[in-house]
Amino acid sequence: MIEPTPLSPASSRTTAALPGSDNPTQILLRRAELAACIARMTTGDGAHETAIPRLRLIRATSASELNHTLHEPAICLPVQGRKRVLLGDELTVYDTEEFLVVSQDVPISSQVMDATPESPYLCVKISFSPGEVAALLLDLDREVQPRASTSTAPCARALYTSPTTLPLLDAMLRLVRLLDTPQDIGALAPLAVREILYRLLTSPEGWRLAQIGRPDGQGPRIAEAIGWLRHHYREPLKIDQLAHSVHMSGSSLHRHFRAVTAMSPLQFQKALRLQEARRLMLVDGVDATSAGYQVGYESASQFSREYARMFGAPPARDMRRMRQDALDGATGQP
């Protein structure tokens, strides 16, 4: 197990209080109650599925390795501990004072930073779809627009943080409490999730989430490009063809894609390839050369170089380390 990486000057963190800020005492009480619920409902480390399909409860009792994954659109609200997330080369650190939103399917690296058996990292994660955001936008009686002080960009990042508020915590608590009354989940869980999305959209950074639900914006086109890359990452990438398929020019696709994902389409494809190759080796026992070819690499040496650049070690050494870490964890070794 590695030690948490020190904070970088490039880390992103939102600390400003919201206008008409919530009662701090009430926020602390709600947070404590939510933490108690998660601790009671989880039996060990990991992301725990629940009877509410879109809801996961996350627990970690120690600082973690960097975990590389393709993250779905979701809100992650920690109530204990701290975490860092990398999107491309951009670092975001968040804790119990704020929540994290991922608005598109993007490859990220994440690491739990503050966690012990006595004070574990505890987090609620709720996934959502662009369609849900679009439907809620139609019902809002006001436009979701950036603040006047917000710098304009072709599109907003698909990952951001915002301060946690009392109304959001209340909605989260209502949703998690439903796990104690499963007969109420079918009728009430969709209402709680809808309220949570409403709180996200009406928060100061809600305009960032709103982009994925606006049919006249660039967000859905970038989502379509991301979807194509997810299903065709093994194939050679031709930007002009991809741009044509999503009704954009090559230069416009490149500019908007980087604005949303902090990487170019080619870098995005590379991240998908390397994550899948790592899964093939770790889960399916595929050797490095075969894994590289299966995800689209024609050169074993290029695959090894790019793999080491992303994961910190060549494939064979990385697999030995990961399997040893898994064995140590299973046997209780430090």
Protein backbone atom coordinates (compact mmCIF):
# COMPACT_ATOMS: atom_id res chain seq x y z
CA MET A 1 0.00 0.00 0.00
CA ILE A 2 1.39 3.42 -0.91
CA GLU A 3 1.24 6.57 1.14
CA PRO A 4 -1.13 9.33 -0.06
CA THR A 5 0.51 11.69 -2.50
CA PRO A 6 1.00 15.23 -1.10
CA LEU A 7 -1.27 17.92 -2.44
CA SER A 8 -0.15 19.55 -5.65
CA PRO A 9 -0.32 23.29 -6.29
CA ALA A 10 -2.46 22.36 -9.28
CA SER A 11 -5.09 20.72 -7.09
CA SER A 12 -8.63 22.00 -7.39
CA ARG A 13 -10.65 22.79 -4.27
CA THR A 14 -13.74 24.90 -3.68
CA THR A 15 -13.94 26.53 -0.27
CA ALA A 16 -16.07 29.63 -0.73
CA ALA A 17 -19.32 29.67 1.24
CA LEU A 18 -22.58 29.81 -0.66
CA PRO A 19 -24.77 32.92 -0.41
CA GLY A 20 -27.10 32.49 2.56
CA SER A 21 -24.96 29.60 3.79
CA ASP A 22 -26.58 26.68 5.60
CA ASN A 23 -26.53 26.24 9.35
CA PRO A 24 -23.09 24.65 10.02
CA THR A 25 -24.41 22.73 13.04
CA GLN A 26 -27.21 21.15 11.02
CA ILE A 27 -24.77 20.21 8.26
CA LEU A 28 -22.51 18.50 10.80
CA LEU A 29 -25.46 16.58 12.25
CA ARG A 30 -26.69 15.40 8.84
CA ARG A 31 -23.18 14.43 7.81
CA ALA A 32 -22.71 12.44 11.02
CA GLU A 33 -26.01 10.65 10.55
CA LEU A 34 -25.17 9.80 6.96
CA ALA A 35 -21.74 8.51 8.03
CA ALA A 36 -23.40 6.33 10.67
CA CYS A 37 -25.77 4.88 8.07
CA ILE A 38 -22.92 4.03 5.69
CA ALA A 39 -20.83 2.49 8.48
CA ARG A 40 -23.79 0.36 9.59
CA MET A 41 -24.77 -0.74 6.09
CA THR A 42 -21.28 -1.71 4.86
CA THR A 43 -19.35 -4.73 6.14
CA GLY A 44 -15.93 -4.10 4.59
CA ASP A 45 -13.91 -2.00 2.22
CA GLY A 46 -15.06 -1.34 -1.32
CA ALA A 47 -18.02 0.02 -3.28
CA HIS A 48 -21.14 -1.73 -2.03
CA GLU A 49 -24.16 -2.25 -4.28
CA THR A 50 -27.52 -1.57 -2.64
CA ALA A 51 -31.19 -2.37 -3.22
CA ILE A 52 -31.39 0.99 -5.00
CA PRO A 53 -29.65 0.17 -8.32
CA ARG A 54 -28.03 3.56 -8.87
CA LEU A 55 -26.84 3.95 -5.27
CA ARG A 56 -23.48 2.69 -3.99
CA LEU A 57 -22.02 3.09 -0.50
CA ILE A 58 -18.21 3.33 -0.43
CA ARG A 59 -15.93 2.51 2.48
CA ALA A 60 -12.13 2.41 2.83
CA THR A 61 -10.14 1.87 6.03
CA SER A 62 -6.74 2.86 4.63
CA ALA A 63 -5.14 5.08 2.02
CA SER A 64 -5.28 3.40 -1.37
CA GLU A 65 -3.28 2.91 -4.51
CA LEU A 66 -4.25 5.01 -7.50
CA ASN A 67 -7.31 3.30 -8.96
CA HIS A 68 -7.79 3.68 -12.73
CA THR A 69 -11.31 3.38 -14.08
CA LEU A 70 -13.80 4.62 -16.65
CA HIS A 71 -16.09 6.69 -14.43
CA GLU A 72 -19.78 6.92 -15.29
CA PRO A 73 -21.84 10.12 -14.80
CA ALA A 74 -22.39 10.33 -11.03
CA ILE A 75 -22.25 12.40 -7.88
CA CYS A 76 -19.83 11.34 -5.15
CA LEU A 77 -20.49 12.87 -1.74
CA PRO A 78 -17.96 11.98 0.99
CA VAL A 79 -19.01 12.29 4.63
CA GLN A 80 -15.71 11.17 6.11
CA GLY A 81 -12.14 11.30 4.77
CA ARG A 82 -10.56 12.83 1.69
CA LYS A 83 -9.87 11.75 -1.90
CA ARG A 84 -7.96 12.93 -4.94
CA VAL A 85 -8.95 12.42 -8.57
CA LEU A 86 -6.93 12.85 -11.76
CA LEU A 87 -8.60 13.67 -15.07
CA GLY A 88 -5.88 13.82 -17.67
CA ASP A 89 -3.15 15.83 -15.93
CA GLU A 90 -5.59 17.80 -13.76
CA LEU A 91 -5.76 17.04 -10.04
CA THR A 92 -8.86 17.59 -7.91
CA VAL A 93 -8.86 17.01 -4.15
CA TYR A 94 -12.17 16.95 -2.29
CA ASP A 95 -13.40 16.11 1.21
CA THR A 96 -16.51 16.34 3.36
CA GLU A 97 -17.00 20.04 2.61
CA GLU A 98 -17.80 19.40 -1.06
CA PHE A 99 -19.16 16.89 -3.52
CA LEU A 100 -17.74 15.71 -6.82
CA VAL A 101 -19.73 15.48 -10.04
CA VAL A 102 -18.65 13.53 -13.11
CA SER A 103 -20.95 14.45 -15.99
CA GLN A 104 -19.57 12.27 -18.81
CA ASP A 105 -17.99 8.82 -19.15
CA VAL A 106 -14.32 9.68 -18.61
CA PRO A 107 -11.21 7.67 -17.66
CA ILE A 108 -9.96 8.88 -14.29
CA SER A 109 -7.46 7.90 -11.61
CA SER A 110 -8.54 8.20 -7.98
CA GLN A 111 -6.95 7.67 -4.58
CA VAL A 112 -8.34 7.66 -1.05
CA MET A 113 -6.01 9.89 0.97
CA ASP A 114 -7.33 10.00 4.55
CA ALA A 115 -8.71 6.76 6.01
CA THR A 116 -8.07 4.54 9.03
CA PRO A 117 -9.96 1.61 10.59
CA GLU A 118 -11.10 3.99 13.35
CA SER A 119 -12.09 6.76 10.90
CA PRO A 120 -12.73 5.19 7.47
CA TYR A 121 -13.37 7.04 4.25
CA LEU A 122 -17.15 6.98 3.73
CA CYS A 123 -18.93 8.17 0.59
CA VAL A 124 -22.29 8.03 -1.17
CA LYS A 125 -22.22 7.59 -4.95
CA ILE A 126 -25.28 8.01 -7.14
CA SER A 127 -25.14 7.49 -10.89
CA PHE A 128 -27.44 9.25 -13.36
CA SER A 129 -28.01 9.55 -17.09
CA PRO A 130 -27.97 12.55 -19.44
CA GLY A 131 -31.62 11.78 -20.19
CA GLU A 132 -32.56 12.36 -16.55
CA VAL A 133 -30.75 15.70 -16.58
CA ALA A 134 -32.46 16.70 -19.84
CA ALA A 135 -35.92 15.80 -18.49
CA LEU A 136 -35.36 17.81 -15.31
CA LEU A 137 -34.11 20.83 -17.26
CA LEU A 138 -37.43 20.91 -19.12
CA ASP A 139 -39.26 21.17 -15.80
CA LEU A 140 -37.13 23.95 -14.32
CA ASP A 141 -38.72 27.39 -14.31
CA ARG A 142 -35.40 29.14 -14.89
CA GLU A 143 -32.34 28.88 -17.08
CA VAL A 144 -29.26 27.22 -15.63
CA GLN A 145 -26.53 29.67 -16.58
CA PRO A 146 -22.92 30.24 -15.48
CA ARG A 147 -22.26 32.95 -12.94
CA ALA A 148 -21.19 36.25 -14.46
CA SER A 149 -17.69 35.81 -13.01
CA THR A 150 -17.22 32.38 -14.58
CA SER A 151 -14.79 32.36 -17.48
CA THR A 152 -16.33 31.05 -20.66
CA ALA A 153 -15.03 27.94 -22.41
CA PRO A 154 -16.22 25.91 -25.42
CA CYS A 155 -17.58 23.33 -22.94
CA ALA A 156 -17.18 22.80 -19.22
CA ARG A 157 -15.06 20.08 -17.68
CA ALA A 158 -16.79 16.76 -17.15
CA LEU A 159 -15.50 16.74 -13.55
CA TYR A 160 -15.97 19.44 -10.92
CA THR A 161 -16.56 20.03 -7.20
CA SER A 162 -19.03 22.26 -5.38
CA PRO A 163 -19.80 22.97 -1.69
CA THR A 164 -22.09 20.51 0.07
CA THR A 165 -25.32 22.10 1.28
CA LEU A 166 -27.94 21.18 3.87
CA PRO A 167 -30.73 20.56 1.29
CA LEU A 168 -28.45 18.18 -0.63
CA LEU A 169 -27.53 16.29 2.55
CA ASP A 170 -31.21 16.04 3.49
CA ALA A 171 -32.06 14.51 0.11
CA MET A 172 -29.13 12.10 0.37
CA LEU A 173 -30.26 11.01 3.83
CA ARG A 174 -33.81 10.35 2.65
CA LEU A 175 -32.47 8.17 -0.14
CA VAL A 176 -30.08 6.17 2.05
CA ARG A 177 -32.70 5.71 4.79
CA LEU A 178 -34.94 3.96 2.25
CA LEU A 179 -32.55 1.00 2.44
CA ASP A 180 -34.09 0.30 5.86
CA THR A 181 -37.60 0.20 4.36
CA PRO A 182 -37.22 -1.68 1.06
CA GLN A 183 -40.98 -1.68 0.49
CA ASP A 184 -40.76 2.10 -0.03
CA ILE A 185 -37.87 2.10 -2.51
CA GLY A 186 -39.90 1.71 -5.71
CA ALA A 187 -42.16 4.67 -4.97
CA LEU A 188 -39.82 7.04 -3.15
CA ALA A 189 -36.26 6.47 -4.41
CA PRO A 190 -36.92 8.07 -7.84
CA LEU A 191 -38.25 11.17 -6.07
CA ALA A 192 -35.17 11.45 -3.87
CA VAL A 193 -32.83 11.00 -6.85
CA ARG A 194 -34.75 13.64 -8.78
CA GLU A 195 -34.39 16.07 -5.88
CA ILE A 196 -30.65 15.34 -5.70
CA LEU A 197 -30.28 16.14 -9.40
CA TYR A 198 -32.31 19.30 -8.86
CA ARG A 199 -29.93 20.35 -6.07
CA LEU A 200 -26.97 19.74 -8.39
CA LEU A 201 -28.47 21.75 -11.24
CA THR A 202 -29.36 24.69 -9.00
CA SER A 203 -25.97 24.78 -7.27
CA PRO A 204 -23.44 27.46 -8.34
CA GLU A 205 -21.72 25.01 -10.69
CA GLY A 206 -24.94 23.42 -11.94
CA TRP A 207 -24.51 24.91 -15.41
CA ARG A 208 -21.65 22.46 -15.91
CA LEU A 209 -23.97 19.50 -15.40
CA ALA A 210 -26.73 21.13 -17.47
CA GLN A 211 -24.55 20.99 -20.59
CA ILE A 212 -25.07 17.24 -20.99
CA GLY A 213 -28.85 17.69 -21.08
CA ARG A 214 -29.10 20.48 -23.65
CA PRO A 215 -29.82 19.04 -27.11
CA ASP A 216 -28.74 22.27 -28.81
CA GLY A 217 -25.32 22.35 -27.12
CA GLN A 218 -22.01 20.61 -27.70
CA GLY A 219 -22.30 18.38 -24.62
CA PRO A 220 -24.43 15.65 -26.27
CA ARG A 221 -22.13 15.63 -29.33
CA ILE A 222 -19.09 15.10 -27.15
CA ALA A 223 -20.99 12.37 -25.30
CA GLU A 224 -21.68 10.72 -28.66
CA ALA A 225 -17.98 10.91 -29.57
CA ILE A 226 -17.08 9.41 -26.20
CA GLY A 227 -19.58 6.62 -26.79
CA TRP A 228 -18.02 5.84 -30.17
CA LEU A 229 -14.55 5.69 -28.63
CA ARG A 230 -15.75 3.39 -25.86
CA HIS A 231 -17.03 0.87 -28.39
CA HIS A 232 -14.30 1.26 -31.02
CA TYR A 233 -11.16 1.97 -29.00
CA ARG A 234 -9.36 -0.99 -30.62
CA GLU A 235 -9.69 0.56 -34.08
CA PRO A 236 -7.33 3.15 -35.61
CA LEU A 237 -8.68 6.61 -34.82
CA LYS A 238 -9.48 8.94 -37.70
CA ILE A 239 -10.51 12.29 -36.27
CA ASP A 240 -12.25 13.57 -39.39
CA GLN A 241 -14.44 10.48 -39.60
CA LEU A 242 -15.31 10.68 -35.91
CA ALA A 243 -16.06 14.40 -36.23
CA HIS A 244 -18.31 13.78 -39.24
CA SER A 245 -20.24 11.10 -37.34
CA VAL A 246 -21.11 13.59 -34.57
CA HIS A 247 -21.76 16.48 -37.00
CA MET A 248 -18.72 18.55 -36.08
CA SER A 249 -15.59 19.71 -37.85
CA GLY A 250 -12.31 18.08 -36.88
CA SER A 251 -10.98 21.23 -35.22
CA SER A 252 -14.24 21.85 -33.35
CA LEU A 253 -14.35 18.26 -32.08
CA HIS A 254 -10.76 18.45 -30.88
CA ARG A 255 -11.32 21.77 -29.09
CA HIS A 256 -14.59 20.82 -27.39
CA PHE A 257 -13.45 17.29 -26.57
CA ARG A 258 -10.37 18.59 -24.76
CA ALA A 259 -12.46 21.20 -22.94
CA VAL A 260 -14.73 18.47 -21.56
CA THR A 261 -12.27 15.65 -20.88
CA ALA A 262 -8.91 17.48 -20.38
CA MET A 263 -7.44 15.25 -23.09
CA SER A 264 -7.52 14.83 -26.86
CA PRO A 265 -9.57 12.05 -28.48
CA LEU A 266 -6.33 10.15 -29.12
CA GLN A 267 -5.26 10.45 -25.46
CA PHE A 268 -8.76 9.37 -24.41
CA GLN A 269 -8.55 6.31 -26.67
CA LYS A 270 -5.11 5.47 -25.26
CA ALA A 271 -6.43 5.60 -21.69
CA LEU A 272 -9.28 3.26 -22.60
CA ARG A 273 -6.90 0.83 -24.30
CA LEU A 274 -4.46 0.74 -21.38
CA GLN A 275 -7.16 0.33 -18.75
CA GLU A 276 -8.68 -2.58 -20.67
CA ALA A 277 -5.26 -4.19 -21.22
CA ARG A 278 -4.59 -4.01 -17.49
CA ARG A 279 -7.95 -5.64 -16.77
CA LEU A 280 -7.24 -8.43 -19.28
CA MET A 281 -3.92 -9.22 -17.61
CA LEU A 282 -5.14 -8.96 -14.03
CA VAL A 283 -8.57 -10.60 -14.32
CA ASP A 284 -8.26 -12.90 -17.34
CA GLY A 285 -4.58 -13.79 -16.96
CA VAL A 286 -3.68 -12.66 -20.50
CA ASP A 287 0.05 -12.08 -21.12
CA ALA A 288 1.28 -8.55 -21.87
CA THR A 289 1.93 -9.06 -25.58
CA SER A 290 -1.52 -10.56 -26.20
CA ALA A 291 -3.22 -7.89 -24.10
CA GLY A 292 -1.54 -5.14 -26.11
CA TYR A 293 -2.63 -6.65 -29.42
CA GLN A 294 -6.17 -7.26 -28.18
CA VAL A 295 -6.68 -3.57 -27.34
CA GLY A 296 -5.30 -2.31 -30.64
CA TYR A 297 -1.52 -1.95 -30.25
CA GLU A 298 0.57 -3.21 -33.16
CA SER A 299 3.90 -2.70 -31.37
CA ALA A 300 4.64 -4.53 -28.10
CA SER A 301 7.38 -2.06 -27.22
CA GLN A 302 5.08 0.93 -27.72
CA PHE A 303 2.45 -0.76 -25.57
CA SER A 304 4.99 -1.39 -22.81
CA ARG A 305 6.25 2.22 -22.89
CA GLU A 306 2.80 3.76 -22.77
CA TYR A 307 1.64 1.31 -20.11
CA ALA A 308 4.60 2.20 -17.88
CA ARG A 309 3.96 5.91 -18.41
CA MET A 310 0.36 5.54 -17.23
CA PHE A 311 0.70 2.96 -14.44
CA GLY A 312 4.24 3.63 -13.25
CA ALA A 313 5.80 0.30 -14.22
CA PRO A 314 6.00 -2.04 -17.26
CA PRO A 315 3.16 -4.60 -17.55
CA ALA A 316 4.93 -7.62 -16.03
CA ARG A 317 6.25 -5.70 -13.01
CA ASP A 318 2.91 -3.97 -12.49
CA MET A 319 1.10 -7.32 -12.49
CA ARG A 320 3.51 -8.81 -9.95
CA ARG A 321 3.02 -5.83 -7.66
CA MET A 322 -0.77 -5.84 -7.94
CA ARG A 323 -1.03 -9.57 -7.31
CA GLN A 324 1.28 -9.29 -4.32
CA ASP A 325 -0.78 -6.42 -2.94
CA ALA A 326 -3.94 -8.51 -3.37
CA LEU A 327 -2.27 -11.46 -1.60
CA ASP A 328 -1.07 -9.25 1.24
CA GLY A 329 -4.55 -7.82 1.63
CA ALA A 330 -6.11 -11.29 1.73
CA THR A 331 -3.65 -12.53 4.37
CA GLY A 332 -3.68 -9.36 6.46
CA GLN A 333 -0.05 -8.52 5.80
CA PRO A 334 0.96 -4.83 6.10
